[in-house]
N, C-alpha and C. Protein backbone atom coordinates (compact mmCIF):
# COMPACT_ATOMS: atom_id res chain seq x y z
N UNK A 1 95.92 90.64 73.63
CA UNK A 1 97.19 90.06 73.17
C UNK A 1 97.63 88.97 74.14
N UNK A 2 97.85 87.78 73.60
CA UNK A 2 98.24 86.64 74.42
C UNK A 2 99.30 85.84 73.66
N UNK A 3 100.39 85.50 74.34
CA UNK A 3 101.51 84.82 73.69
C UNK A 3 101.50 83.35 74.10
N UNK A 4 101.21 82.47 73.12
CA UNK A 4 101.08 81.04 73.40
C UNK A 4 102.06 80.24 72.56
N UNK A 5 102.40 79.05 73.06
CA UNK A 5 103.23 78.11 72.32
C UNK A 5 102.83 76.70 72.72
N UNK A 6 102.71 75.80 71.73
CA UNK A 6 102.33 74.43 72.03
C UNK A 6 103.52 73.62 72.53
N UNK A 7 104.74 74.13 72.28
CA UNK A 7 105.94 73.50 72.78
C UNK A 7 106.66 74.45 73.72
N UNK A 8 107.67 73.94 74.43
CA UNK A 8 108.47 74.79 75.29
C UNK A 8 108.98 75.98 74.47
N UNK A 9 108.67 77.21 74.89
CA UNK A 9 109.02 78.39 74.08
C UNK A 9 110.52 78.49 73.81
N UNK A 10 110.84 78.75 72.56
CA UNK A 10 112.23 78.92 72.15
C UNK A 10 112.69 80.34 72.46
N UNK A 11 114.01 80.57 72.47
CA UNK A 11 114.51 81.94 72.67
C UNK A 11 113.94 82.92 71.65
N UNK A 12 113.76 82.47 70.40
CA UNK A 12 113.22 83.35 69.36
C UNK A 12 111.76 83.73 69.67
N UNK A 13 110.97 82.76 70.14
CA UNK A 13 109.58 83.05 70.50
C UNK A 13 109.52 84.03 71.67
N UNK A 14 110.41 83.84 72.64
CA UNK A 14 110.44 84.76 73.78
C UNK A 14 110.83 86.17 73.34
N UNK A 15 111.75 86.28 72.39
CA UNK A 15 112.16 87.59 71.90
C UNK A 15 111.01 88.29 71.20
N UNK A 16 110.23 87.55 70.42
CA UNK A 16 109.07 88.12 69.74
C UNK A 16 108.08 88.65 70.77
N UNK A 17 107.86 87.87 71.81
CA UNK A 17 106.96 88.28 72.90
C UNK A 17 107.44 89.58 73.53
N UNK A 18 108.73 89.64 73.84
CA UNK A 18 109.31 90.83 74.47
C UNK A 18 109.22 92.04 73.55
N UNK A 19 109.52 91.84 72.27
CA UNK A 19 109.51 92.95 71.31
C UNK A 19 108.12 93.55 71.13
N UNK A 20 107.09 92.74 71.33
CA UNK A 20 105.72 93.22 71.15
C UNK A 20 105.07 93.71 72.45
N UNK A 21 105.80 93.64 73.54
CA UNK A 21 105.18 93.85 74.86
C UNK A 21 104.91 95.30 75.23
N UNK A 22 105.71 96.23 74.77
CA UNK A 22 105.50 97.63 75.15
C UNK A 22 105.96 97.92 76.56
N UNK A 23 105.28 98.87 77.23
CA UNK A 23 105.69 99.30 78.57
C UNK A 23 104.90 98.64 79.68
N UNK A 24 105.11 99.13 80.91
CA UNK A 24 104.38 98.60 82.07
C UNK A 24 102.88 98.77 81.87
N UNK A 25 102.12 97.80 82.36
CA UNK A 25 100.66 97.83 82.18
C UNK A 25 99.92 98.16 83.46
N UNK A 26 100.62 98.75 84.45
CA UNK A 26 99.95 99.12 85.70
C UNK A 26 100.26 100.58 86.02
N UNK A 27 99.49 101.15 86.95
CA UNK A 27 99.58 102.56 87.29
C UNK A 27 100.99 102.96 87.70
N UNK A 28 101.48 104.05 87.15
CA UNK A 28 102.83 104.52 87.42
C UNK A 28 103.08 104.80 88.90
N UNK A 29 102.02 105.12 89.63
CA UNK A 29 102.19 105.44 91.05
C UNK A 29 102.63 104.21 91.86
N UNK A 30 102.46 103.01 91.29
CA UNK A 30 102.85 101.79 92.00
C UNK A 30 104.19 101.24 91.52
N UNK A 31 104.83 101.90 90.56
CA UNK A 31 106.12 101.42 90.09
C UNK A 31 107.15 101.50 91.21
N UNK A 32 107.76 100.38 91.53
CA UNK A 32 108.75 100.31 92.61
C UNK A 32 108.15 100.12 93.98
N UNK A 33 106.85 100.01 94.07
CA UNK A 33 106.19 99.88 95.39
C UNK A 33 106.55 98.58 96.10
N UNK A 34 106.98 97.57 95.35
CA UNK A 34 107.31 96.27 95.96
C UNK A 34 108.71 96.23 96.54
N UNK A 35 109.47 97.32 96.39
CA UNK A 35 110.89 97.31 96.80
C UNK A 35 111.08 97.25 98.31
N UNK A 36 110.07 97.67 99.06
CA UNK A 36 110.13 97.64 100.51
C UNK A 36 108.96 96.86 101.08
N UNK A 37 109.07 96.50 102.36
CA UNK A 37 107.95 95.83 103.02
C UNK A 37 106.74 96.75 103.01
N UNK A 38 105.60 96.23 102.60
CA UNK A 38 104.39 97.04 102.50
C UNK A 38 103.79 97.30 103.88
N UNK A 39 103.41 98.54 104.13
CA UNK A 39 102.72 98.88 105.38
C UNK A 39 101.26 98.47 105.25
N UNK A 40 100.55 98.44 106.36
CA UNK A 40 99.14 98.08 106.33
C UNK A 40 98.33 99.06 105.49
N UNK A 41 98.69 100.35 105.54
CA UNK A 41 97.96 101.34 104.75
C UNK A 41 98.22 101.15 103.26
N UNK A 42 99.46 100.77 102.90
CA UNK A 42 99.77 100.51 101.49
C UNK A 42 99.01 99.29 100.98
N UNK A 43 98.92 98.27 101.83
CA UNK A 43 98.17 97.07 101.45
C UNK A 43 96.69 97.40 101.25
N UNK A 44 96.16 98.26 102.11
CA UNK A 44 94.75 98.65 101.99
C UNK A 44 94.52 99.43 100.69
N UNK A 45 95.46 100.31 100.35
CA UNK A 45 95.33 101.09 99.12
C UNK A 45 95.39 100.17 97.90
N UNK A 46 96.32 99.21 97.93
CA UNK A 46 96.42 98.26 96.83
C UNK A 46 95.14 97.44 96.70
N UNK A 47 94.62 97.01 97.83
CA UNK A 47 93.39 96.22 97.84
C UNK A 47 92.22 97.01 97.25
N UNK A 48 92.13 98.29 97.60
CA UNK A 48 91.06 99.14 97.07
C UNK A 48 91.15 99.27 95.56
N UNK A 49 92.38 99.22 95.05
CA UNK A 49 92.59 99.33 93.60
C UNK A 49 92.52 97.97 92.91
N UNK A 50 92.12 96.93 93.65
CA UNK A 50 91.89 95.62 93.05
C UNK A 50 93.06 94.68 93.03
N UNK A 51 94.16 95.05 93.71
CA UNK A 51 95.34 94.19 93.72
C UNK A 51 95.27 93.13 94.82
N UNK A 52 95.80 91.96 94.49
CA UNK A 52 95.95 90.87 95.45
C UNK A 52 97.40 90.85 95.90
N UNK A 53 97.63 90.95 97.21
CA UNK A 53 98.99 90.96 97.75
C UNK A 53 99.35 89.56 98.21
N UNK A 54 100.49 89.07 97.74
CA UNK A 54 100.98 87.74 98.10
C UNK A 54 102.39 87.89 98.65
N UNK A 55 102.63 87.43 99.86
CA UNK A 55 103.96 87.55 100.44
C UNK A 55 104.29 86.33 101.29
N UNK A 56 105.56 85.94 101.25
CA UNK A 56 106.01 84.79 102.02
C UNK A 56 107.52 84.85 102.16
N UNK A 57 108.04 84.27 103.23
CA UNK A 57 109.49 84.20 103.42
C UNK A 57 109.84 82.88 104.09
N UNK A 58 111.06 82.43 103.85
CA UNK A 58 111.49 81.16 104.43
C UNK A 58 112.93 81.29 104.90
N UNK A 59 113.24 80.64 106.01
CA UNK A 59 114.60 80.65 106.55
C UNK A 59 115.43 79.61 105.81
N UNK A 60 116.55 80.06 105.23
CA UNK A 60 117.42 79.18 104.46
C UNK A 60 118.56 78.61 105.28
N UNK A 61 118.89 79.27 106.38
CA UNK A 61 120.02 78.84 107.19
C UNK A 61 120.68 80.05 107.81
N UNK A 62 121.97 79.99 107.99
CA UNK A 62 122.69 81.11 108.60
C UNK A 62 124.08 81.25 107.99
N UNK A 63 124.65 82.45 108.15
CA UNK A 63 126.02 82.68 107.73
C UNK A 63 126.17 83.24 106.33
N UNK A 64 127.34 83.82 106.10
CA UNK A 64 127.64 84.47 104.84
C UNK A 64 127.65 83.50 103.66
N UNK A 65 128.13 82.28 103.88
CA UNK A 65 128.17 81.29 102.81
C UNK A 65 126.76 80.98 102.31
N UNK A 66 125.83 80.78 103.23
CA UNK A 66 124.44 80.51 102.85
C UNK A 66 123.86 81.70 102.08
N UNK A 67 124.16 82.91 102.56
CA UNK A 67 123.67 84.11 101.88
C UNK A 67 124.20 84.18 100.46
N UNK A 68 125.48 83.93 100.27
CA UNK A 68 126.07 84.00 98.93
C UNK A 68 125.48 82.96 97.99
N UNK A 69 125.21 81.76 98.51
CA UNK A 69 124.58 80.72 97.68
C UNK A 69 123.16 81.14 97.30
N UNK A 70 122.45 81.75 98.24
CA UNK A 70 121.09 82.20 97.97
C UNK A 70 121.09 83.33 96.94
N UNK A 71 122.05 84.22 97.06
CA UNK A 71 122.18 85.32 96.09
C UNK A 71 122.45 84.77 94.70
N UNK A 72 123.33 83.79 94.61
CA UNK A 72 123.64 83.16 93.33
C UNK A 72 122.40 82.51 92.73
N UNK A 73 121.56 81.93 93.59
CA UNK A 73 120.33 81.29 93.13
C UNK A 73 119.45 82.30 92.38
N UNK A 74 119.35 83.52 92.91
CA UNK A 74 118.54 84.55 92.24
C UNK A 74 119.22 85.02 90.96
N UNK A 75 120.53 85.21 91.01
CA UNK A 75 121.25 85.70 89.84
C UNK A 75 121.18 84.74 88.67
N UNK A 76 121.04 83.45 88.96
CA UNK A 76 120.96 82.44 87.90
C UNK A 76 119.54 81.91 87.69
N UNK A 77 118.56 82.59 88.29
CA UNK A 77 117.15 82.28 88.11
C UNK A 77 116.76 80.88 88.57
N UNK A 78 117.47 80.38 89.60
CA UNK A 78 117.11 79.08 90.16
C UNK A 78 115.72 79.12 90.80
N UNK A 79 115.30 80.28 91.22
CA UNK A 79 113.97 80.41 91.84
C UNK A 79 112.85 80.22 90.83
N UNK A 80 113.21 80.19 89.54
CA UNK A 80 112.25 79.92 88.47
C UNK A 80 112.57 78.62 87.75
N UNK A 81 113.42 77.81 88.33
CA UNK A 81 113.82 76.56 87.69
C UNK A 81 112.85 75.45 88.07
N UNK A 82 111.67 75.49 87.45
CA UNK A 82 110.61 74.54 87.75
C UNK A 82 110.23 73.76 86.50
N UNK A 83 109.55 72.63 86.68
CA UNK A 83 109.16 71.82 85.53
C UNK A 83 108.11 72.54 84.69
N UNK A 84 107.31 73.37 85.31
CA UNK A 84 106.19 74.00 84.62
C UNK A 84 106.35 75.52 84.44
N UNK A 85 107.48 76.07 84.86
CA UNK A 85 107.72 77.50 84.72
C UNK A 85 109.22 77.77 84.67
N UNK A 86 109.62 78.70 83.81
CA UNK A 86 111.05 79.02 83.74
C UNK A 86 111.26 80.41 83.17
N UNK A 87 112.44 80.94 83.45
CA UNK A 87 112.96 82.16 82.82
C UNK A 87 114.33 81.78 82.26
N UNK A 88 114.66 82.31 81.11
CA UNK A 88 115.98 82.04 80.53
C UNK A 88 117.05 82.39 81.57
N UNK A 89 117.84 81.41 82.03
CA UNK A 89 118.82 81.67 83.09
C UNK A 89 119.92 82.66 82.70
N UNK A 90 120.02 82.96 81.41
CA UNK A 90 121.02 83.93 80.95
C UNK A 90 120.51 85.37 81.05
N UNK A 91 119.26 85.53 81.46
CA UNK A 91 118.67 86.86 81.56
C UNK A 91 119.45 87.71 82.55
N UNK A 92 119.88 88.88 82.11
CA UNK A 92 120.67 89.77 82.95
C UNK A 92 119.80 90.47 83.99
N UNK A 93 120.26 90.49 85.23
CA UNK A 93 119.52 91.18 86.28
C UNK A 93 120.00 92.63 86.36
N UNK A 94 119.50 93.44 85.45
CA UNK A 94 119.80 94.86 85.42
C UNK A 94 118.50 95.63 85.22
N UNK A 95 118.40 96.77 85.86
CA UNK A 95 117.20 97.60 85.72
C UNK A 95 116.96 97.90 84.24
N UNK A 96 115.73 97.65 83.80
CA UNK A 96 115.37 97.89 82.41
C UNK A 96 115.37 96.66 81.53
N UNK A 97 115.97 95.56 82.00
CA UNK A 97 116.00 94.33 81.22
C UNK A 97 114.59 93.75 81.07
N UNK A 98 114.21 93.43 79.85
CA UNK A 98 112.92 92.78 79.60
C UNK A 98 113.14 91.28 79.44
N UNK A 99 112.19 90.49 79.92
CA UNK A 99 112.31 89.04 79.85
C UNK A 99 110.93 88.40 79.85
N UNK A 100 110.91 87.10 79.63
CA UNK A 100 109.64 86.35 79.62
C UNK A 100 109.61 85.33 80.75
N UNK A 101 108.50 85.25 81.42
CA UNK A 101 108.22 84.11 82.28
C UNK A 101 107.37 83.16 81.45
N UNK A 102 107.85 81.94 81.29
CA UNK A 102 107.13 80.94 80.49
C UNK A 102 106.48 79.93 81.43
N UNK A 103 105.19 79.79 81.30
CA UNK A 103 104.41 78.95 82.22
C UNK A 103 103.58 77.96 81.41
N UNK A 104 103.60 76.71 81.83
CA UNK A 104 102.78 75.69 81.16
C UNK A 104 101.47 75.54 81.91
N UNK A 105 100.38 75.87 81.25
CA UNK A 105 99.04 75.73 81.81
C UNK A 105 98.23 74.78 80.93
N UNK A 106 97.94 73.60 81.47
CA UNK A 106 97.22 72.58 80.71
C UNK A 106 98.04 72.23 79.46
N UNK A 107 97.52 72.48 78.24
CA UNK A 107 98.24 72.07 77.04
C UNK A 107 99.25 73.12 76.56
N UNK A 108 98.87 74.39 76.38
CA UNK A 108 99.86 75.33 75.83
C UNK A 108 100.76 75.95 76.89
N UNK A 109 101.90 76.45 76.44
CA UNK A 109 102.75 77.30 77.26
C UNK A 109 102.28 78.74 77.07
N UNK A 110 102.34 79.52 78.12
CA UNK A 110 102.02 80.94 78.05
C UNK A 110 103.29 81.72 78.31
N UNK A 111 103.59 82.69 77.45
CA UNK A 111 104.74 83.57 77.65
C UNK A 111 104.25 84.92 78.14
N UNK A 112 104.79 85.34 79.28
CA UNK A 112 104.33 86.59 79.88
C UNK A 112 105.50 87.55 80.06
N UNK A 113 105.45 88.71 79.41
CA UNK A 113 106.57 89.66 79.42
C UNK A 113 106.63 90.52 80.67
N UNK A 114 107.84 90.73 81.15
CA UNK A 114 108.08 91.60 82.30
C UNK A 114 109.35 92.42 82.07
N UNK A 115 109.56 93.38 82.95
CA UNK A 115 110.77 94.19 82.90
C UNK A 115 111.31 94.38 84.31
N UNK A 116 112.62 94.24 84.47
CA UNK A 116 113.24 94.48 85.78
C UNK A 116 113.06 95.95 86.12
N UNK A 117 112.33 96.22 87.20
CA UNK A 117 112.03 97.60 87.60
C UNK A 117 113.13 98.20 88.48
N UNK A 118 113.79 97.35 89.26
CA UNK A 118 114.86 97.82 90.15
C UNK A 118 115.67 96.62 90.62
N UNK A 119 116.90 96.90 91.03
CA UNK A 119 117.78 95.90 91.64
C UNK A 119 118.45 96.56 92.82
N UNK A 120 118.59 95.83 93.93
CA UNK A 120 119.33 96.38 95.07
C UNK A 120 120.32 95.35 95.59
N UNK A 121 121.45 95.84 96.08
CA UNK A 121 122.51 95.00 96.61
C UNK A 121 123.17 95.80 97.74
N UNK A 122 122.78 95.53 98.97
CA UNK A 122 123.19 96.35 100.10
C UNK A 122 123.90 95.50 101.15
N UNK A 123 124.85 96.11 101.84
CA UNK A 123 125.55 95.40 102.92
C UNK A 123 126.08 96.40 103.93
N UNK A 124 126.32 95.92 105.14
CA UNK A 124 126.92 96.74 106.19
C UNK A 124 127.81 95.85 107.04
N UNK A 125 128.80 96.44 107.68
CA UNK A 125 129.73 95.68 108.51
C UNK A 125 129.91 96.40 109.83
N UNK A 126 130.55 95.71 110.79
CA UNK A 126 130.78 96.34 112.08
C UNK A 126 131.82 97.45 111.93
N UNK A 127 131.90 98.30 112.91
CA UNK A 127 132.73 99.51 112.81
C UNK A 127 134.19 99.28 113.20
N UNK A 128 134.51 98.09 113.69
CA UNK A 128 135.88 97.83 114.12
C UNK A 128 136.76 97.50 112.92
N UNK A 129 137.74 98.37 112.66
CA UNK A 129 138.64 98.13 111.53
C UNK A 129 139.48 96.88 111.72
N UNK A 130 139.75 96.54 112.99
CA UNK A 130 140.59 95.37 113.28
C UNK A 130 139.83 94.07 113.06
N UNK A 131 138.53 94.14 113.18
CA UNK A 131 137.73 92.91 113.05
C UNK A 131 136.50 93.19 112.19
N UNK A 132 136.73 93.77 111.01
CA UNK A 132 135.63 94.15 110.15
C UNK A 132 135.04 92.91 109.46
N UNK A 133 133.75 92.72 109.63
CA UNK A 133 133.08 91.62 108.96
C UNK A 133 131.66 92.01 108.64
N UNK A 134 131.10 91.34 107.63
CA UNK A 134 129.74 91.63 107.19
C UNK A 134 128.75 91.25 108.27
N UNK A 135 127.87 92.19 108.63
CA UNK A 135 126.88 91.91 109.67
C UNK A 135 125.45 91.85 109.11
N UNK A 136 125.21 92.58 108.02
CA UNK A 136 123.89 92.56 107.39
C UNK A 136 124.07 92.72 105.89
N UNK A 137 123.21 92.08 105.14
CA UNK A 137 123.27 92.21 103.69
C UNK A 137 121.91 91.83 103.08
N UNK A 138 121.62 92.40 101.94
CA UNK A 138 120.39 92.05 101.23
C UNK A 138 120.59 92.24 99.74
N UNK A 139 119.98 91.37 98.99
CA UNK A 139 120.04 91.44 97.53
C UNK A 139 118.69 91.03 96.98
N UNK A 140 118.26 91.73 95.95
CA UNK A 140 117.00 91.36 95.34
C UNK A 140 116.67 92.22 94.15
N UNK A 141 115.56 91.92 93.53
CA UNK A 141 115.10 92.69 92.39
C UNK A 141 113.59 92.59 92.29
N UNK A 142 113.02 93.57 91.62
CA UNK A 142 111.58 93.55 91.39
C UNK A 142 111.31 93.69 89.91
N UNK A 143 110.30 92.99 89.43
CA UNK A 143 109.94 93.08 88.01
C UNK A 143 108.48 93.50 87.88
N UNK A 144 108.22 94.31 86.88
CA UNK A 144 106.87 94.79 86.63
C UNK A 144 106.31 94.16 85.36
N UNK A 145 105.02 93.94 85.34
CA UNK A 145 104.36 93.32 84.19
C UNK A 145 104.24 94.32 83.03
N UNK A 146 104.35 93.79 81.83
CA UNK A 146 104.23 94.60 80.61
C UNK A 146 102.95 94.25 79.87
N UNK A 147 102.59 95.06 78.90
CA UNK A 147 101.41 94.77 78.07
C UNK A 147 101.60 93.42 77.38
N UNK A 148 100.60 92.57 77.51
CA UNK A 148 100.70 91.21 77.00
C UNK A 148 100.77 90.19 78.13
N UNK A 149 100.96 90.68 79.36
CA UNK A 149 100.96 89.80 80.54
C UNK A 149 99.51 89.60 80.99
N UNK A 150 99.23 88.43 81.54
CA UNK A 150 97.86 88.16 82.02
C UNK A 150 97.51 88.98 83.25
N UNK A 151 98.53 89.43 83.99
CA UNK A 151 98.31 90.20 85.20
C UNK A 151 98.96 91.57 85.10
N UNK A 152 98.60 92.45 86.04
CA UNK A 152 99.22 93.76 86.14
C UNK A 152 99.74 93.92 87.56
N UNK A 153 101.03 94.27 87.70
CA UNK A 153 101.58 94.45 89.04
C UNK A 153 103.08 94.21 89.09
N UNK A 154 103.59 94.01 90.29
CA UNK A 154 105.02 93.81 90.51
C UNK A 154 105.27 92.61 91.40
N UNK A 155 106.49 92.09 91.31
CA UNK A 155 106.91 90.98 92.17
C UNK A 155 108.38 91.15 92.53
N UNK A 156 108.68 91.02 93.82
CA UNK A 156 110.06 91.12 94.29
C UNK A 156 110.54 89.78 94.81
N UNK A 157 111.79 89.44 94.45
CA UNK A 157 112.48 88.28 94.99
C UNK A 157 113.72 88.80 95.70
N UNK A 158 113.93 88.40 96.95
CA UNK A 158 115.07 88.94 97.68
C UNK A 158 115.60 87.94 98.71
N UNK A 159 116.89 88.09 99.02
CA UNK A 159 117.51 87.30 100.08
C UNK A 159 118.16 88.28 101.06
N UNK A 160 118.17 87.90 102.32
CA UNK A 160 118.67 88.80 103.36
C UNK A 160 119.48 88.05 104.40
N UNK A 161 120.61 88.63 104.78
CA UNK A 161 121.40 88.19 105.94
C UNK A 161 121.12 89.20 107.03
N UNK A 162 120.41 88.79 108.09
CA UNK A 162 120.00 89.76 109.10
C UNK A 162 121.00 89.88 110.24
N UNK A 163 120.66 90.72 111.21
CA UNK A 163 121.57 90.99 112.33
C UNK A 163 121.77 89.77 113.23
N UNK A 164 120.93 88.75 113.08
CA UNK A 164 121.09 87.53 113.86
C UNK A 164 121.86 86.46 113.07
N UNK A 165 122.40 86.85 111.93
CA UNK A 165 123.17 85.95 111.07
C UNK A 165 122.29 84.92 110.37
N UNK A 166 120.99 85.17 110.33
CA UNK A 166 120.05 84.27 109.65
C UNK A 166 119.86 84.74 108.20
N UNK A 167 119.63 83.77 107.33
CA UNK A 167 119.44 84.07 105.91
C UNK A 167 118.00 83.73 105.50
N UNK A 168 117.34 84.72 104.91
CA UNK A 168 115.94 84.57 104.52
C UNK A 168 115.77 84.77 103.03
N UNK A 169 114.82 84.03 102.47
CA UNK A 169 114.39 84.24 101.09
C UNK A 169 112.96 84.73 101.15
N UNK A 170 112.66 85.81 100.43
CA UNK A 170 111.34 86.41 100.50
C UNK A 170 110.78 86.71 99.11
N UNK A 171 109.48 86.51 98.98
CA UNK A 171 108.74 86.86 97.77
C UNK A 171 107.61 87.79 98.17
N UNK A 172 107.48 88.88 97.44
CA UNK A 172 106.39 89.83 97.67
C UNK A 172 105.83 90.25 96.31
N UNK A 173 104.53 90.16 96.15
CA UNK A 173 103.93 90.60 94.89
C UNK A 173 102.57 91.22 95.13
N UNK A 174 102.20 92.08 94.20
CA UNK A 174 100.82 92.58 94.16
C UNK A 174 100.39 92.55 92.70
N UNK A 175 99.20 92.08 92.45
CA UNK A 175 98.76 91.91 91.07
C UNK A 175 97.25 91.89 90.98
N UNK A 176 96.77 92.14 89.77
CA UNK A 176 95.34 92.04 89.47
C UNK A 176 95.18 91.62 88.02
N UNK A 177 94.02 91.14 87.63
CA UNK A 177 93.82 90.67 86.26
C UNK A 177 94.05 91.78 85.23
N UNK A 178 94.66 91.39 84.10
CA UNK A 178 94.88 92.34 83.01
C UNK A 178 94.44 91.75 81.68
N UNK A 179 93.76 90.61 81.73
CA UNK A 179 93.29 89.94 80.51
C UNK A 179 92.00 89.22 80.86
N UNK A 180 91.14 89.03 79.87
CA UNK A 180 89.85 88.37 80.09
C UNK A 180 90.01 87.01 80.76
N UNK A 181 91.02 86.23 80.34
CA UNK A 181 91.23 84.91 80.92
C UNK A 181 91.52 84.98 82.41
N UNK A 182 92.34 85.96 82.82
CA UNK A 182 92.67 86.07 84.24
C UNK A 182 91.50 86.63 85.04
N UNK A 183 90.66 87.45 84.40
CA UNK A 183 89.45 87.93 85.08
C UNK A 183 88.52 86.76 85.37
N UNK A 184 88.31 85.91 84.36
CA UNK A 184 87.39 84.78 84.49
C UNK A 184 87.90 83.77 85.52
N UNK A 185 89.21 83.48 85.46
CA UNK A 185 89.76 82.43 86.33
C UNK A 185 90.61 82.96 87.46
N UNK A 186 90.28 84.16 87.99
CA UNK A 186 91.17 84.77 88.97
C UNK A 186 91.36 83.95 90.25
N UNK A 187 90.33 83.31 90.79
CA UNK A 187 90.58 82.45 91.97
C UNK A 187 91.62 81.37 91.69
N UNK A 188 91.59 80.80 90.47
CA UNK A 188 92.59 79.79 90.09
C UNK A 188 93.97 80.44 89.98
N UNK A 189 94.00 81.64 89.40
CA UNK A 189 95.27 82.37 89.25
C UNK A 189 95.90 82.62 90.62
N UNK A 190 95.10 83.00 91.59
CA UNK A 190 95.62 83.25 92.95
C UNK A 190 96.19 81.98 93.56
N UNK A 191 95.51 80.86 93.34
CA UNK A 191 96.02 79.59 93.85
C UNK A 191 97.35 79.23 93.20
N UNK A 192 97.46 79.49 91.90
CA UNK A 192 98.70 79.21 91.19
C UNK A 192 99.84 80.11 91.67
N UNK A 193 99.52 81.34 92.02
CA UNK A 193 100.54 82.24 92.56
C UNK A 193 101.08 81.70 93.87
N UNK A 194 100.20 81.24 94.71
CA UNK A 194 100.63 80.68 96.00
C UNK A 194 101.41 79.38 95.79
N UNK A 195 100.98 78.58 94.82
CA UNK A 195 101.69 77.34 94.51
C UNK A 195 103.09 77.64 93.99
N UNK A 196 103.18 78.65 93.11
CA UNK A 196 104.50 79.04 92.61
C UNK A 196 105.40 79.48 93.76
N UNK A 197 104.86 80.24 94.68
CA UNK A 197 105.65 80.70 95.83
C UNK A 197 106.26 79.52 96.58
N UNK A 198 105.44 78.50 96.84
CA UNK A 198 105.92 77.31 97.55
C UNK A 198 107.00 76.59 96.74
N UNK A 199 106.76 76.43 95.44
CA UNK A 199 107.69 75.73 94.57
C UNK A 199 109.01 76.50 94.44
N UNK A 200 108.92 77.81 94.32
CA UNK A 200 110.10 78.64 94.20
C UNK A 200 110.96 78.54 95.46
N UNK A 201 110.32 78.57 96.60
CA UNK A 201 111.06 78.48 97.85
C UNK A 201 111.74 77.12 97.98
N UNK A 202 111.06 76.06 97.58
CA UNK A 202 111.66 74.73 97.62
C UNK A 202 112.87 74.66 96.68
N UNK A 203 112.77 75.31 95.53
CA UNK A 203 113.86 75.30 94.57
C UNK A 203 115.09 76.00 95.11
N UNK A 204 114.90 77.14 95.78
CA UNK A 204 116.03 77.88 96.36
C UNK A 204 116.64 77.09 97.52
N UNK A 205 115.80 76.52 98.36
CA UNK A 205 116.30 75.69 99.47
C UNK A 205 117.13 74.54 98.93
N UNK A 206 116.64 73.88 97.89
CA UNK A 206 117.36 72.75 97.29
C UNK A 206 118.72 73.19 96.75
N UNK A 207 118.74 74.34 96.08
CA UNK A 207 119.99 74.85 95.52
C UNK A 207 121.00 75.17 96.62
N UNK A 208 120.55 75.87 97.65
CA UNK A 208 121.44 76.26 98.75
C UNK A 208 121.99 75.02 99.46
N UNK A 209 121.12 74.07 99.74
CA UNK A 209 121.55 72.85 100.42
C UNK A 209 122.57 72.07 99.59
N UNK A 210 122.33 72.01 98.28
CA UNK A 210 123.25 71.28 97.40
C UNK A 210 124.62 71.95 97.37
N UNK A 211 124.63 73.26 97.35
CA UNK A 211 125.90 73.99 97.32
C UNK A 211 126.65 73.84 98.65
N UNK A 212 125.90 73.83 99.75
CA UNK A 212 126.53 73.65 101.06
C UNK A 212 127.15 72.27 101.18
N UNK A 213 126.46 71.26 100.67
CA UNK A 213 126.97 69.88 100.74
C UNK A 213 128.20 69.69 99.87
N UNK A 214 128.28 70.49 98.79
CA UNK A 214 129.39 70.35 97.85
C UNK A 214 130.67 70.99 98.38
N UNK A 215 130.56 71.78 99.42
CA UNK A 215 131.73 72.48 99.96
C UNK A 215 132.64 71.53 100.73
């Protein structure tokens, strides 16, 4: 099963893709595995099962304002706002929400169904009631591939305000081929994953910088 469109996929086409997608197409034991930083043993186990692990992070700046702009970027799918790939920006970030990643490869667009597997929104502040302020925070979500996706696995997008007041954007994914096309062209698929990571990070940086300048 492969979902193609010769033009930019319409909302109706994406809905058809989602309705036909079914459930997760990877082993249940790995559901939610992307929610935390992977240990070396977890990476080895994933590798033995044929998964390719891709991870990267970039410093966006510092301070609560930068963190909030970065969080908004994820909530509005700015990290997928690319010329050759997009997600409907109205897609709700709630556990269980199904959506399509639409990617243009050569001539046709490919629609790939996923489901939000988890969402987290955490924060902590100092203990002084007189001077209480946010000291750490993190927000992110992970999505799992559904039947009809070219790959099988999960991907997490997250932003973090750390104890040094620095703001980071991070992408973590593990995946393996789930369709004949991805089996045949897997080296190319891996290169595209890394390219997407770079493009996504540039998109978030651009959004954060634009919002900071507008203040």
